[in-house]
Protein backbone atom coordinates (compact mmCIF):
# COMPACT_ATOMS: atom_id res chain seq x y z
CA MET A 1 -0.53 -0.09 -0.42
CA ARG A 2 1.11 3.53 -0.65
CA LYS A 3 2.58 5.37 2.27
CA ASP A 4 0.37 8.39 1.35
CA VAL A 5 -2.73 6.22 1.19
CA TYR A 6 -1.71 4.20 4.72
CA GLU A 7 -1.06 7.76 6.16
CA TYR A 8 -4.53 8.97 4.83
CA ILE A 9 -5.63 5.73 7.04
CA VAL A 10 -4.21 5.88 9.62
CA ALA A 11 -4.89 9.72 10.11
CA LYS A 12 -8.65 8.54 10.31
CA PRO A 13 -9.63 6.01 13.18
CA LYS A 14 -12.68 4.82 12.09
CA ILE A 15 -11.09 4.01 9.35
CA HIS A 16 -8.40 2.58 10.30
CA GLN A 17 -10.59 0.12 12.09
CA PHE A 18 -12.93 -0.70 9.60
CA LEU A 19 -9.91 -1.31 7.30
CA ARG A 20 -9.10 -4.13 9.97
CA GLU A 21 -11.96 -5.79 9.62
CA GLN A 22 -12.60 -5.94 6.35
CA PRO A 23 -9.07 -7.12 5.40
CA SER A 24 -9.72 -7.45 1.67
CA TRP A 25 -9.78 -3.34 1.51
CA TYR A 26 -6.00 -3.82 2.36
CA ARG A 27 -6.02 -5.97 -1.36
CA ARG A 28 -8.11 -3.61 -3.05
CA LEU A 29 -5.98 -0.29 -2.18
CA THR A 30 -2.85 -1.77 -2.90
CA ARG A 31 -4.21 -2.61 -6.10
CA ARG A 32 -6.16 0.47 -6.51
CA PRO A 33 -4.89 3.26 -4.86
CA MET A 34 -7.71 5.77 -5.90
CA ASP A 35 -10.38 3.42 -4.34
CA ILE A 36 -10.06 5.31 -0.92
CA LYS A 37 -13.13 7.53 -1.64
CA GLU A 38 -15.23 4.73 -2.28
CA MET A 39 -14.05 3.01 1.28
CA GLU A 40 -15.05 5.49 2.80
CA LYS A 41 -18.07 5.29 1.42
CA GLU A 42 -18.44 1.81 2.19
CA ALA A 43 -17.33 2.26 6.36
CA ARG A 44 -19.69 4.90 6.69
CA GLN A 45 -22.21 2.32 5.04
CA TYR A 46 -20.66 -0.43 7.57
CA TYR A 47 -21.02 1.78 10.89
CA LYS A 48 -24.33 3.48 9.99
CA GLN A 49 -22.29 7.06 9.88
CA THR A 50 -25.03 7.66 6.45
CA LEU A 51 -27.00 10.76 7.04
CA PRO A 52 -30.61 8.64 6.22
CA HIS A 53 -28.70 6.84 9.67
CA LYS A 54 -29.00 9.60 11.27
CA VAL A 55 -32.24 10.48 10.60
CA GLU A 56 -33.27 7.46 11.54
CA GLN A 57 -32.26 7.43 15.28
CA VAL A 58 -33.28 11.15 15.23
CA VAL A 59 -36.80 10.19 14.79
CA GLN A 60 -36.22 6.38 17.49
CA THR A 61 -34.62 8.94 20.20
CA ILE A 62 -38.20 11.53 19.14
CA GLU A 63 -39.76 8.75 19.40
CA MET A 64 -38.84 7.06 22.97
CA ALA A 65 -39.13 10.85 24.08
CA LYS A 66 -42.46 10.62 23.48
CA MET A 67 -42.87 7.58 25.04
CA MET A 68 -41.67 8.51 27.76
CA MET A 69 -43.32 11.37 28.46
CA ALA A 70 -46.90 9.63 27.86
CA MET A 71 -46.03 7.22 30.52
CA MET A 72 -45.06 9.98 32.75
CA LYS A 73 -48.19 11.48 32.26
CA LEU A 74 -49.96 8.42 33.05
CA MET A 75 -48.62 7.82 36.06
CA LYS A 76 -49.22 11.53 37.10
CA ASP A 77 -52.55 10.90 35.92
CA THR A 78 -53.59 7.31 38.33
CA HIS A 79 -51.79 8.88 40.55
CA ASN A 80 -54.00 11.98 41.07
């Protein structure tokens, strides 16, 4: 693997971890260093860091908060 590609990967911990978990990318980047952006894209998918994943996570958090508020209201109403 080219030194500049390796230094780029080591500078980004998530990408470095992805490379350790997906060793086939070592071979691929050795042959085609320009595929680094594609690897980053796949790593974002793998770690669920894409915009759709983040939106889904926010929606789930909001739903959880709504459920907690409803439970608190129900508990308050039953206590009175």
